[in-house]
Amino acid sequence: MLSMLPRSVLMVAAILFALGCSKDNHSHGDSHDHDHSHDEPHASATAEPGSYEDWCGGHGVPESKCTRCNSALVASFKANNDWCAEHELPASQCVKCDPNRKAIRPPKPAGK
C-alpha cells in the first residue's frame, strides 16, 4: 500500500515524523507535547516566583506555574480545583477553553 503513494507524500510524512520525534527532552518527566523552540530560555532555578525572570518563554506563563515544564505542579493545581482535564492544563491557564485568557509577564525591573 505504501508503494502506491507518491514519493513526495512519503517524504513529507517522514520529515513530519522526524520533527515530531526530535523534540528536546529537558528531563521534565512529563508526557505532554513540549515546544522547546523558545525565543526565551527557561527561568533560572533561583528566579523569584512572580518576578519578571520567572517566565517560561515557550508556554507564556510563569515558570513556577508551568505544568508543561514541571509535571510535579499538576497535583497542586488539581487539589485547588484549577484543572482542565480536557486539555490537561491548569484551568486558569487554558486558552483553549477561554481564548481571551492571557498570562501577563511582570514588567522588567529598571536597570536590567
N, C-alpha and C. Protein backbone atom coordinates (compact mmCIF):
# COMPACT_ATOMS: atom_id res chain seq x y z
N MET A 1 0.83 -1.19 0.00
CA MET A 1 0.00 0.00 0.00
C MET A 1 0.88 1.25 0.00
N LEU A 2 1.96 1.27 0.79
CA LEU A 2 2.84 2.42 0.83
C LEU A 2 3.48 2.69 -0.52
N SER A 3 3.73 1.63 -1.29
CA SER A 3 4.37 1.80 -2.59
C SER A 3 3.46 2.52 -3.58
N MET A 4 2.16 2.61 -3.28
CA MET A 4 1.21 3.27 -4.17
C MET A 4 1.20 4.78 -3.95
N LEU A 5 1.73 5.26 -2.84
CA LEU A 5 1.75 6.69 -2.56
C LEU A 5 2.92 7.36 -3.29
N PRO A 6 2.71 8.57 -3.76
CA PRO A 6 3.82 9.28 -4.41
C PRO A 6 4.97 9.49 -3.43
N ARG A 7 6.20 9.47 -3.94
CA ARG A 7 7.37 9.64 -3.10
C ARG A 7 7.33 10.93 -2.31
N SER A 8 6.80 12.00 -2.89
CA SER A 8 6.76 13.29 -2.19
C SER A 8 5.90 13.21 -0.93
N VAL A 9 4.80 12.47 -1.00
CA VAL A 9 3.93 12.32 0.17
C VAL A 9 4.66 11.54 1.25
N LEU A 10 5.35 10.48 0.85
CA LEU A 10 6.11 9.68 1.82
C LEU A 10 7.23 10.51 2.45
N MET A 11 7.89 11.35 1.63
CA MET A 11 8.98 12.17 2.13
C MET A 11 8.46 13.19 3.16
N VAL A 12 7.34 13.84 2.85
CA VAL A 12 6.75 14.81 3.77
C VAL A 12 6.36 14.11 5.08
N ALA A 13 5.75 12.95 4.98
CA ALA A 13 5.35 12.21 6.17
C ALA A 13 6.57 11.84 7.01
N ALA A 14 7.64 11.42 6.37
CA ALA A 14 8.86 11.05 7.08
C ALA A 14 9.47 12.26 7.78
N ILE A 15 9.46 13.42 7.12
CA ILE A 15 10.01 14.64 7.72
C ILE A 15 9.17 15.06 8.92
N LEU A 16 7.86 15.05 8.77
CA LEU A 16 6.98 15.42 9.89
C LEU A 16 7.16 14.48 11.07
N PHE A 17 7.30 13.19 10.78
CA PHE A 17 7.51 12.22 11.85
C PHE A 17 8.83 12.50 12.56
N ALA A 18 9.87 12.77 11.79
CA ALA A 18 11.19 13.04 12.38
C ALA A 18 11.16 14.31 13.22
N LEU A 19 10.49 15.33 12.75
CA LEU A 19 10.39 16.57 13.52
C LEU A 19 9.63 16.34 14.82
N GLY A 20 8.58 15.56 14.77
CA GLY A 20 7.81 15.28 15.97
C GLY A 20 8.59 14.47 16.98
N CYS A 21 9.50 13.64 16.52
CA CYS A 21 10.27 12.79 17.41
C CYS A 21 11.55 13.44 17.88
N SER A 22 11.90 14.59 17.33
CA SER A 22 13.17 15.20 17.70
C SER A 22 13.03 16.28 18.75
N LYS A 23 11.90 16.34 19.41
CA LYS A 23 11.73 17.35 20.45
C LYS A 23 12.76 17.13 21.54
N ASP A 24 13.32 18.23 21.99
CA ASP A 24 14.35 18.20 23.01
C ASP A 24 13.73 17.82 24.35
N ASN A 25 14.31 16.90 25.05
CA ASN A 25 13.81 16.48 26.36
C ASN A 25 14.70 17.08 27.43
N HIS A 26 14.13 17.98 28.21
CA HIS A 26 14.88 18.63 29.28
C HIS A 26 14.65 17.96 30.62
N SER A 27 14.35 16.67 30.62
CA SER A 27 14.14 15.90 31.84
C SER A 27 13.03 16.47 32.69
N HIS A 28 11.93 16.86 32.05
CA HIS A 28 10.80 17.38 32.81
C HIS A 28 9.95 16.24 33.34
N GLY A 29 10.11 15.07 32.78
CA GLY A 29 9.35 13.93 33.26
C GLY A 29 7.89 13.97 32.89
N ASP A 30 7.48 14.85 31.98
CA ASP A 30 6.08 14.88 31.61
C ASP A 30 5.91 14.23 30.25
N SER A 31 4.68 13.85 29.95
CA SER A 31 4.40 13.19 28.70
C SER A 31 3.71 14.12 27.72
N HIS A 32 3.55 15.39 28.08
CA HIS A 32 2.85 16.33 27.22
C HIS A 32 3.77 16.79 26.10
N ASP A 33 3.13 17.19 25.00
CA ASP A 33 3.92 17.81 23.94
C ASP A 33 4.58 19.03 24.54
N HIS A 34 5.81 19.24 24.19
CA HIS A 34 6.57 20.30 24.81
C HIS A 34 7.36 21.02 23.74
N ASP A 35 6.98 22.25 23.48
CA ASP A 35 7.66 23.04 22.46
C ASP A 35 8.89 23.68 23.05
N HIS A 36 10.07 23.24 22.58
CA HIS A 36 11.32 23.80 23.08
C HIS A 36 11.96 24.73 22.08
N SER A 37 11.17 25.30 21.19
CA SER A 37 11.71 26.27 20.25
C SER A 37 11.54 27.66 20.85
N HIS A 38 11.86 27.79 22.11
CA HIS A 38 11.67 29.04 22.84
C HIS A 38 12.51 30.16 22.27
N ASP A 39 11.91 31.33 22.20
CA ASP A 39 12.68 32.53 21.91
C ASP A 39 13.42 32.94 23.18
N GLU A 40 12.85 32.58 24.30
CA GLU A 40 13.44 32.91 25.60
C GLU A 40 13.71 31.61 26.34
N PRO A 41 14.77 31.56 27.11
CA PRO A 41 15.07 30.35 27.87
C PRO A 41 14.12 30.20 29.06
N HIS A 42 14.23 29.05 29.68
CA HIS A 42 13.51 28.83 30.93
C HIS A 42 14.07 29.75 31.99
N ALA A 43 13.27 30.02 32.99
CA ALA A 43 13.74 30.81 34.13
C ALA A 43 14.79 30.01 34.88
N SER A 44 15.69 30.72 35.52
CA SER A 44 16.69 30.02 36.33
C SER A 44 16.01 29.47 37.58
N ALA A 45 16.63 28.50 38.17
CA ALA A 45 16.07 27.89 39.38
C ALA A 45 16.02 28.87 40.54
N THR A 46 16.77 29.95 40.46
CA THR A 46 16.81 30.94 41.54
C THR A 46 15.87 32.12 41.30
N ALA A 47 15.12 32.10 40.19
CA ALA A 47 14.19 33.21 39.91
C ALA A 47 13.11 33.27 40.97
N GLU A 48 12.83 34.46 41.41
CA GLU A 48 11.79 34.65 42.43
C GLU A 48 10.42 34.46 41.79
N PRO A 49 9.58 33.55 42.33
CA PRO A 49 8.25 33.36 41.76
C PRO A 49 7.49 34.68 41.68
N GLY A 50 6.88 34.92 40.54
CA GLY A 50 6.12 36.14 40.34
C GLY A 50 6.94 37.30 39.80
N SER A 51 8.24 37.09 39.63
CA SER A 51 9.10 38.16 39.12
C SER A 51 9.16 38.11 37.59
N TYR A 52 9.75 39.13 37.00
CA TYR A 52 9.95 39.17 35.56
C TYR A 52 10.76 37.96 35.09
N GLU A 53 11.77 37.59 35.87
CA GLU A 53 12.64 36.48 35.50
C GLU A 53 11.94 35.13 35.57
N ASP A 54 10.86 35.03 36.32
CA ASP A 54 10.09 33.79 36.48
C ASP A 54 9.13 33.63 35.31
N TRP A 55 9.68 33.27 34.13
CA TRP A 55 8.84 33.20 32.95
C TRP A 55 9.25 32.05 32.05
N CYS A 56 8.29 31.27 31.62
CA CYS A 56 8.52 30.20 30.65
C CYS A 56 8.27 30.79 29.27
N GLY A 57 9.33 31.04 28.54
CA GLY A 57 9.21 31.65 27.22
C GLY A 57 8.47 30.79 26.21
N GLY A 58 8.46 29.51 26.40
CA GLY A 58 7.81 28.61 25.46
C GLY A 58 6.32 28.47 25.67
N HIS A 59 5.85 28.71 26.89
CA HIS A 59 4.44 28.49 27.18
C HIS A 59 3.71 29.74 27.63
N GLY A 60 4.44 30.84 27.84
CA GLY A 60 3.80 32.12 28.15
C GLY A 60 3.12 32.18 29.49
N VAL A 61 3.69 31.48 30.47
CA VAL A 61 3.19 31.52 31.85
C VAL A 61 4.39 31.59 32.78
N PRO A 62 4.16 31.95 34.04
CA PRO A 62 5.30 31.93 34.97
C PRO A 62 5.91 30.52 35.02
N GLU A 63 7.22 30.45 34.99
CA GLU A 63 7.91 29.17 35.06
C GLU A 63 7.52 28.40 36.32
N SER A 64 7.33 29.12 37.42
CA SER A 64 6.98 28.49 38.69
C SER A 64 5.58 27.89 38.67
N LYS A 65 4.80 28.16 37.61
CA LYS A 65 3.45 27.62 37.48
C LYS A 65 3.26 26.85 36.18
N CYS A 66 4.35 26.51 35.50
CA CYS A 66 4.25 25.84 34.20
C CYS A 66 4.23 24.32 34.39
N THR A 67 3.04 23.76 34.29
CA THR A 67 2.88 22.31 34.45
C THR A 67 3.43 21.54 33.26
N ARG A 68 3.58 22.20 32.11
CA ARG A 68 4.14 21.52 30.94
C ARG A 68 5.64 21.34 31.09
N CYS A 69 6.25 22.21 31.87
CA CYS A 69 7.69 22.09 32.12
C CYS A 69 7.97 21.34 33.42
N ASN A 70 7.05 21.37 34.34
CA ASN A 70 7.24 20.71 35.64
C ASN A 70 5.96 19.98 36.02
N SER A 71 5.88 18.72 35.67
CA SER A 71 4.66 17.94 35.92
C SER A 71 4.38 17.74 37.40
N ALA A 72 5.37 17.99 38.26
CA ALA A 72 5.14 17.87 39.70
C ALA A 72 4.14 18.92 40.21
N LEU A 73 3.91 19.96 39.43
CA LEU A 73 2.97 21.02 39.83
C LEU A 73 1.51 20.63 39.61
N VAL A 74 1.27 19.62 38.79
CA VAL A 74 -0.10 19.23 38.42
C VAL A 74 -0.95 18.92 39.65
N ALA A 75 -0.43 18.16 40.59
CA ALA A 75 -1.20 17.76 41.77
C ALA A 75 -1.71 18.97 42.55
N SER A 76 -0.90 20.00 42.65
CA SER A 76 -1.30 21.21 43.38
C SER A 76 -2.46 21.91 42.67
N PHE A 77 -2.38 22.03 41.34
CA PHE A 77 -3.48 22.65 40.61
C PHE A 77 -4.75 21.83 40.74
N LYS A 78 -4.63 20.52 40.65
CA LYS A 78 -5.80 19.65 40.79
C LYS A 78 -6.40 19.77 42.20
N ALA A 79 -5.55 19.81 43.22
CA ALA A 79 -6.02 19.92 44.60
C ALA A 79 -6.77 21.23 44.84
N ASN A 80 -6.42 22.26 44.07
CA ASN A 80 -7.08 23.56 44.20
C ASN A 80 -8.21 23.74 43.20
N ASN A 81 -8.68 22.63 42.63
CA ASN A 81 -9.77 22.65 41.64
C ASN A 81 -9.49 23.63 40.50
N ASP A 82 -8.24 23.72 40.10
CA ASP A 82 -7.82 24.58 39.00
C ASP A 82 -7.21 23.69 37.93
N TRP A 83 -8.06 22.84 37.33
CA TRP A 83 -7.54 21.90 36.35
C TRP A 83 -8.54 21.69 35.23
N CYS A 84 -8.08 21.78 33.99
CA CYS A 84 -8.88 21.48 32.81
C CYS A 84 -8.47 20.08 32.36
N ALA A 85 -9.27 19.10 32.68
CA ALA A 85 -8.94 17.71 32.34
C ALA A 85 -8.94 17.49 30.84
N GLU A 86 -9.79 18.20 30.12
CA GLU A 86 -9.87 18.02 28.67
C GLU A 86 -8.55 18.39 27.98
N HIS A 87 -7.92 19.49 28.43
CA HIS A 87 -6.69 19.96 27.78
C HIS A 87 -5.44 19.72 28.61
N GLU A 88 -5.61 19.09 29.76
CA GLU A 88 -4.50 18.75 30.66
C GLU A 88 -3.62 19.95 30.99
N LEU A 89 -4.29 21.02 31.41
CA LEU A 89 -3.64 22.26 31.81
C LEU A 89 -4.39 22.82 33.02
N PRO A 90 -3.73 23.70 33.78
CA PRO A 90 -4.49 24.42 34.80
C PRO A 90 -5.61 25.20 34.11
N ALA A 91 -6.81 25.16 34.66
CA ALA A 91 -7.93 25.88 34.07
C ALA A 91 -7.62 27.37 33.97
N SER A 92 -6.86 27.88 34.93
CA SER A 92 -6.50 29.30 34.94
C SER A 92 -5.52 29.66 33.83
N GLN A 93 -4.98 28.66 33.13
CA GLN A 93 -4.05 28.89 32.03
C GLN A 93 -4.59 28.39 30.69
N CYS A 94 -5.76 27.79 30.69
CA CYS A 94 -6.26 27.12 29.50
C CYS A 94 -6.89 28.11 28.51
N VAL A 95 -6.11 28.49 27.51
CA VAL A 95 -6.60 29.41 26.48
C VAL A 95 -7.47 28.69 25.46
N LYS A 96 -7.47 27.37 25.48
CA LYS A 96 -8.37 26.64 24.58
C LYS A 96 -9.81 26.76 25.07
N CYS A 97 -9.99 26.79 26.38
CA CYS A 97 -11.34 26.97 26.94
C CYS A 97 -11.74 28.45 26.96
N ASP A 98 -10.77 29.32 27.15
CA ASP A 98 -11.03 30.76 27.18
C ASP A 98 -9.95 31.47 26.37
N PRO A 99 -10.21 31.69 25.07
CA PRO A 99 -9.21 32.32 24.20
C PRO A 99 -8.82 33.74 24.63
N ASN A 100 -9.62 34.38 25.47
CA ASN A 100 -9.30 35.73 25.94
C ASN A 100 -8.36 35.73 27.14
N ARG A 101 -8.10 34.55 27.69
CA ARG A 101 -7.23 34.44 28.86
C ARG A 101 -5.78 34.66 28.45
N LYS A 102 -5.07 35.49 29.20
CA LYS A 102 -3.66 35.74 28.92
C LYS A 102 -2.91 35.88 30.23
N ALA A 103 -1.75 35.28 30.26
CA ALA A 103 -0.86 35.49 31.40
C ALA A 103 -0.05 36.75 31.08
N ILE A 104 0.06 37.62 32.04
CA ILE A 104 0.79 38.87 31.85
C ILE A 104 2.09 38.79 32.61
N ARG A 105 3.18 38.93 31.87
CA ARG A 105 4.50 38.90 32.49
C ARG A 105 4.73 40.19 33.26
N PRO A 106 5.23 40.08 34.49
CA PRO A 106 5.53 41.30 35.24
C PRO A 106 6.54 42.15 34.47
N PRO A 107 6.53 43.46 34.71
CA PRO A 107 7.47 44.32 33.99
C PRO A 107 8.91 44.03 34.37
N LYS A 108 9.78 44.30 33.41
CA LYS A 108 11.22 44.13 33.63
C LYS A 108 11.68 45.20 34.60
N PRO A 109 12.46 44.82 35.61
CA PRO A 109 12.94 45.81 36.57
C PRO A 109 13.82 46.86 35.88
N ALA A 110 13.75 48.07 36.36
CA ALA A 110 14.56 49.15 35.80
C ALA A 110 16.03 48.82 35.95
N GLY A 111 16.81 49.13 34.94
CA GLY A 111 18.24 48.91 35.00
C GLY A 111 18.68 47.52 34.60
N LYS A 112 17.78 46.68 34.15
CA LYS A 112 18.18 45.31 33.75
C LYS A 112 18.05 45.14 32.28
